[in-house]
PDB file of N, CA and C in Angstrom:
ATOM      1  N   MET A   1       4.315   6.549 -12.800  1.00  0.00           N
ATOM      2  CA  MET A   1       4.804   5.697 -11.728  1.00  0.00           C
ATOM      3  C   MET A   1       4.408   4.255 -12.061  1.00  0.00           C
ATOM      4  N   PRO A   2       5.309   3.297 -11.808  1.00  0.00           N
ATOM      5  CA  PRO A   2       4.966   1.890 -12.060  1.00  0.00           C
ATOM      6  C   PRO A   2       3.857   1.424 -11.117  1.00  0.00           C
ATOM      7  N   ASN A   3       3.199   0.343 -11.480  1.00  0.00           N
ATOM      8  CA  ASN A   3       2.151  -0.213 -10.630  1.00  0.00           C
ATOM      9  C   ASN A   3       2.738  -0.683  -9.309  1.00  0.00           C
ATOM     10  N   VAL A   4       2.114  -0.267  -8.208  1.00  0.00           N
ATOM     11  CA  VAL A   4       2.551  -0.661  -6.871  1.00  0.00           C
ATOM     12  C   VAL A   4       1.372  -1.338  -6.190  1.00  0.00           C
ATOM     13  N   LYS A   5       1.532  -2.613  -5.846  1.00  0.00           N
ATOM     14  CA  LYS A   5       0.476  -3.354  -5.158  1.00  0.00           C
ATOM     15  C   LYS A   5       0.391  -2.898  -3.709  1.00  0.00           C
ATOM     16  N   CYS A   6      -0.827  -2.822  -3.184  1.00  0.00           N
ATOM     17  CA  CYS A   6      -1.042  -2.465  -1.786  1.00  0.00           C
ATOM     18  C   CYS A   6      -2.287  -3.191  -1.292  1.00  0.00           C
ATOM     19  N   SER A   7      -2.140  -3.940  -0.217  1.00  0.00           N
ATOM     20  CA  SER A   7      -3.283  -4.669   0.335  1.00  0.00           C
ATOM     21  C   SER A   7      -3.901  -3.952   1.535  1.00  0.00           C
ATOM     22  N   VAL A   8      -3.452  -2.736   1.831  1.00  0.00           N
ATOM     23  CA  VAL A   8      -3.989  -1.969   2.962  1.00  0.00           C
ATOM     24  C   VAL A   8      -5.221  -1.206   2.463  1.00  0.00           C
ATOM     25  N   THR A   9      -6.365  -1.845   2.539  1.00  0.00           N
ATOM     26  CA  THR A   9      -7.595  -1.265   1.996  1.00  0.00           C
ATOM     27  C   THR A   9      -8.073  -0.046   2.783  1.00  0.00           C
ATOM     28  N   GLU A  10      -7.536   0.173   3.985  1.00  0.00           N
ATOM     29  CA  GLU A  10      -7.911   1.336   4.795  1.00  0.00           C
ATOM     30  C   GLU A  10      -7.217   2.617   4.324  1.00  0.00           C
ATOM     31  N   CYS A  11      -6.274   2.496   3.391  1.00  0.00           N
ATOM     32  CA  CYS A  11      -5.528   3.657   2.921  1.00  0.00           C
ATOM     33  C   CYS A  11      -6.293   4.385   1.815  1.00  0.00           C
ATOM     34  N   LYS A  12      -6.324   5.709   1.889  1.00  0.00           N
ATOM     35  CA  LYS A  12      -7.052   6.508   0.898  1.00  0.00           C
ATOM     36  C   LYS A  12      -6.461   6.389  -0.498  1.00  0.00           C
ATOM     37  N   TRP A  13      -5.184   6.001  -0.618  1.00  0.00           N
ATOM     38  CA  TRP A  13      -4.530   5.889  -1.920  1.00  0.00           C
ATOM     39  C   TRP A  13      -4.783   4.533  -2.580  1.00  0.00           C
ATOM     40  N   ASN A  14      -5.366   3.581  -1.849  1.00  0.00           N
ATOM     41  CA  ASN A  14      -5.600   2.247  -2.386  1.00  0.00           C
ATOM     42  C   ASN A  14      -6.828   2.252  -3.293  1.00  0.00           C
ATOM     43  N   ASN A  15      -6.639   1.774  -4.517  1.00  0.00           N
ATOM     44  CA  ASN A  15      -7.733   1.647  -5.476  1.00  0.00           C
ATOM     45  C   ASN A  15      -7.568   0.298  -6.157  1.00  0.00           C
ATOM     46  N   SER A  16      -8.445  -0.641  -5.825  1.00  0.00           N
ATOM     47  CA  SER A  16      -8.408  -1.997  -6.393  1.00  0.00           C
ATOM     48  C   SER A  16      -7.059  -2.678  -6.140  1.00  0.00           C
ATOM     49  N   ILE A  17      -6.578  -2.582  -4.908  1.00  0.00           N
ATOM     50  CA  ILE A  17      -5.333  -3.212  -4.453  1.00  0.00           C
ATOM     51  C   ILE A  17      -4.106  -2.653  -5.184  1.00  0.00           C
ATOM     52  N   GLU A  18      -4.187  -1.407  -5.649  1.00  0.00           N
ATOM     53  CA  GLU A  18      -3.064  -0.705  -6.253  1.00  0.00           C
ATOM     54  C   GLU A  18      -2.922   0.657  -5.610  1.00  0.00           C
ATOM     55  N   CYS A  19      -1.674   1.081  -5.373  1.00  0.00           N
ATOM     56  CA  CYS A  19      -1.422   2.386  -4.782  1.00  0.00           C
ATOM     57  C   CYS A  19      -1.506   3.463  -5.860  1.00  0.00           C
ATOM     58  N   HIS A  20      -2.325   4.481  -5.623  1.00  0.00           N
ATOM     59  CA  HIS A  20      -2.494   5.584  -6.561  1.00  0.00           C
ATOM     60  C   HIS A  20      -2.017   6.906  -5.968  1.00  0.00           C
ATOM     61  N   ALA A  21      -1.088   6.844  -5.028  1.00  0.00           N
ATOM     62  CA  ALA A  21      -0.503   8.054  -4.438  1.00  0.00           C
ATOM     63  C   ALA A  21       0.389   8.732  -5.481  1.00  0.00           C
ATOM     64  N   PRO A  22       0.504  10.058  -5.421  1.00  0.00           N
ATOM     65  CA  PRO A  22       1.357  10.762  -6.370  1.00  0.00           C
ATOM     66  C   PRO A  22       2.847  10.464  -6.157  1.00  0.00           C
ATOM     67  N   MET A  23       3.219  10.025  -4.976  1.00  0.00           N
ATOM     68  CA  MET A  23       4.588   9.605  -4.650  1.00  0.00           C
ATOM     69  C   MET A  23       4.505   8.641  -3.478  1.00  0.00           C
ATOM     70  N   ILE A  24       5.541   7.875  -3.266  1.00  0.00           N
ATOM     71  CA  ILE A  24       5.575   6.918  -2.161  1.00  0.00           C
ATOM     72  C   ILE A  24       6.840   7.157  -1.351  1.00  0.00           C
ATOM     73  N   GLN A  25       6.673   7.201  -0.028  1.00  0.00           N
ATOM     74  CA  GLN A  25       7.822   7.343   0.862  1.00  0.00           C
ATOM     75  C   GLN A  25       7.837   6.161   1.821  1.00  0.00           C
ATOM     76  N   VAL A  26       8.943   5.447   1.838  1.00  0.00           N
ATOM     77  CA  VAL A  26       9.123   4.304   2.730  1.00  0.00           C
ATOM     78  C   VAL A  26      10.319   4.582   3.619  1.00  0.00           C
ATOM     79  N   ASP A  27      10.142   4.399   4.929  1.00  0.00           N
ATOM     80  CA  ASP A  27      11.206   4.630   5.901  1.00  0.00           C
ATOM     81  C   ASP A  27      11.442   3.377   6.726  1.00  0.00           C
ATOM     82  N   ARG A  28      12.495   3.420   7.528  1.00  0.00           N
ATOM     83  CA  ARG A  28      12.769   2.322   8.463  1.00  0.00           C
ATOM     84  C   ARG A  28      11.726   2.340   9.576  1.00  0.00           C
ATOM     85  N   ASN A  29      11.409   1.198  10.073  1.00  0.00           N
ATOM     86  CA  ASN A  29      10.486   1.051  11.192  1.00  0.00           C
ATOM     87  C   ASN A  29      11.321   0.877  12.454  1.00  0.00           C
ATOM     88  N   GLY A  30      11.821   1.971  12.978  1.00  0.00           N
ATOM     89  CA  GLY A  30      12.706   1.920  14.133  1.00  0.00           C
ATOM     90  C   GLY A  30      14.102   2.356  13.730  1.00  0.00           C
ATOM     91  N   SER A  31      15.065   1.972  14.516  1.00  0.00           N
ATOM     92  CA  SER A  31      16.439   2.398  14.242  1.00  0.00           C
ATOM     93  C   SER A  31      17.247   1.264  13.632  1.00  0.00           C
ATOM     94  N   GLY A  32      18.400   1.600  13.112  1.00  0.00           N
ATOM     95  CA  GLY A  32      19.276   0.591  12.524  1.00  0.00           C
ATOM     96  C   GLY A  32      18.977   0.369  11.055  1.00  0.00           C
ATOM     97  N   ASN A  33      19.665  -0.581  10.480  1.00  0.00           N
ATOM     98  CA  ASN A  33      19.490  -0.904   9.067  1.00  0.00           C
ATOM     99  C   ASN A  33      18.388  -1.927   8.884  1.00  0.00           C
ATOM    100  N   ALA A  34      17.568  -1.736   7.863  1.00  0.00           N
ATOM    101  CA  ALA A  34      16.515  -2.697   7.551  1.00  0.00           C
ATOM    102  C   ALA A  34      17.116  -3.867   6.784  1.00  0.00           C
ATOM    103  N   SER A  35      16.739  -5.079   7.172  1.00  0.00           N
ATOM    104  CA  SER A  35      17.206  -6.268   6.454  1.00  0.00           C
ATOM    105  C   SER A  35      16.046  -7.077   5.880  1.00  0.00           C
ATOM    106  N   ASN A  36      14.790  -6.652   6.184  1.00  0.00           N
ATOM    107  CA  ASN A  36      13.614  -7.290   5.585  1.00  0.00           C
ATOM    108  C   ASN A  36      12.448  -6.304   5.609  1.00  0.00           C
ATOM    109  N   SER A  37      11.379  -6.620   4.906  1.00  0.00           N
ATOM    110  CA  SER A  37      10.256  -5.682   4.757  1.00  0.00           C
ATOM    111  C   SER A  37       9.546  -5.377   6.081  1.00  0.00           C
ATOM    112  N   ASP A  38       9.613  -6.300   7.053  1.00  0.00           N
ATOM    113  CA  ASP A  38       8.992  -6.047   8.360  1.00  0.00           C
ATOM    114  C   ASP A  38       9.661  -4.888   9.095  1.00  0.00           C
ATOM    115  N   GLN A  39      10.860  -4.537   8.692  1.00  0.00           N
ATOM    116  CA  GLN A  39      11.607  -3.463   9.348  1.00  0.00           C
ATOM    117  C   GLN A  39      11.446  -2.129   8.609  1.00  0.00           C
ATOM    118  N   THR A  40      10.448  -2.053   7.740  1.00  0.00           N
ATOM    119  CA  THR A  40      10.154  -0.821   7.006  1.00  0.00           C
ATOM    120  C   THR A  40       8.698  -0.434   7.226  1.00  0.00           C
ATOM    121  N   LYS A  41       8.359   0.803   6.836  1.00  0.00           N
ATOM    122  CA  LYS A  41       6.978   1.263   6.949  1.00  0.00           C
ATOM    123  C   LYS A  41       6.687   2.255   5.827  1.00  0.00           C
ATOM    124  N   CYS A  42       5.437   2.319   5.418  1.00  0.00           N
ATOM    125  CA  CYS A  42       5.007   3.232   4.369  1.00  0.00           C
ATOM    126  C   CYS A  42       4.522   4.527   5.012  1.00  0.00           C
ATOM    127  N   ASP A  43       5.273   5.606   4.819  1.00  0.00           N
ATOM    128  CA  ASP A  43       4.881   6.904   5.371  1.00  0.00           C
ATOM    129  C   ASP A  43       3.850   7.611   4.500  1.00  0.00           C
ATOM    130  N   THR A  44       3.521   7.040   3.348  1.00  0.00           N
ATOM    131  CA  THR A  44       2.529   7.638   2.443  1.00  0.00           C
ATOM    132  C   THR A  44       1.106   7.315   2.898  1.00  0.00           C
ATOM    133  N   PHE A  45       0.954   6.307   3.755  1.00  0.00           N
ATOM    134  CA  PHE A  45      -0.365   5.856   4.225  1.00  0.00           C
ATOM    135  C   PHE A  45      -1.188   7.010   4.790  1.00  0.00           C
ATOM    136  N   ARG A  46      -2.418   7.105   4.348  1.00  0.00           N
ATOM    137  CA  ARG A  46      -3.409   8.046   4.892  1.00  0.00           C
ATOM    138  C   ARG A  46      -4.730   7.296   5.041  1.00  0.00           C
ATOM    139  N   THR A  47      -5.384   7.453   6.182  1.00  0.00           N
ATOM    140  CA  THR A  47      -6.658   6.777   6.431  1.00  0.00           C
ATOM    141  C   THR A  47      -7.744   7.353   5.527  1.00  0.00           C
ATOM    142  N   LYS A  48      -8.611   6.462   5.027  1.00  0.00           N
ATOM    143  CA  LYS A  48      -9.741   6.912   4.192  1.00  0.00           C
ATOM    144  C   LYS A  48     -10.675   7.766   4.991  1.00  0.00           C
TER     145      LYS A  48
END
């Protein structure tokens, strides 16, 4: 998997500001079409 930056230090997959999850799932944050990153969310997030 390519390097994926992540600044969410509370996530168990974060290691030195890089995501080390085996896969990443990103969904819309609400309904409708996303037109910017604020309208998306990372479903891979897990609390440390």
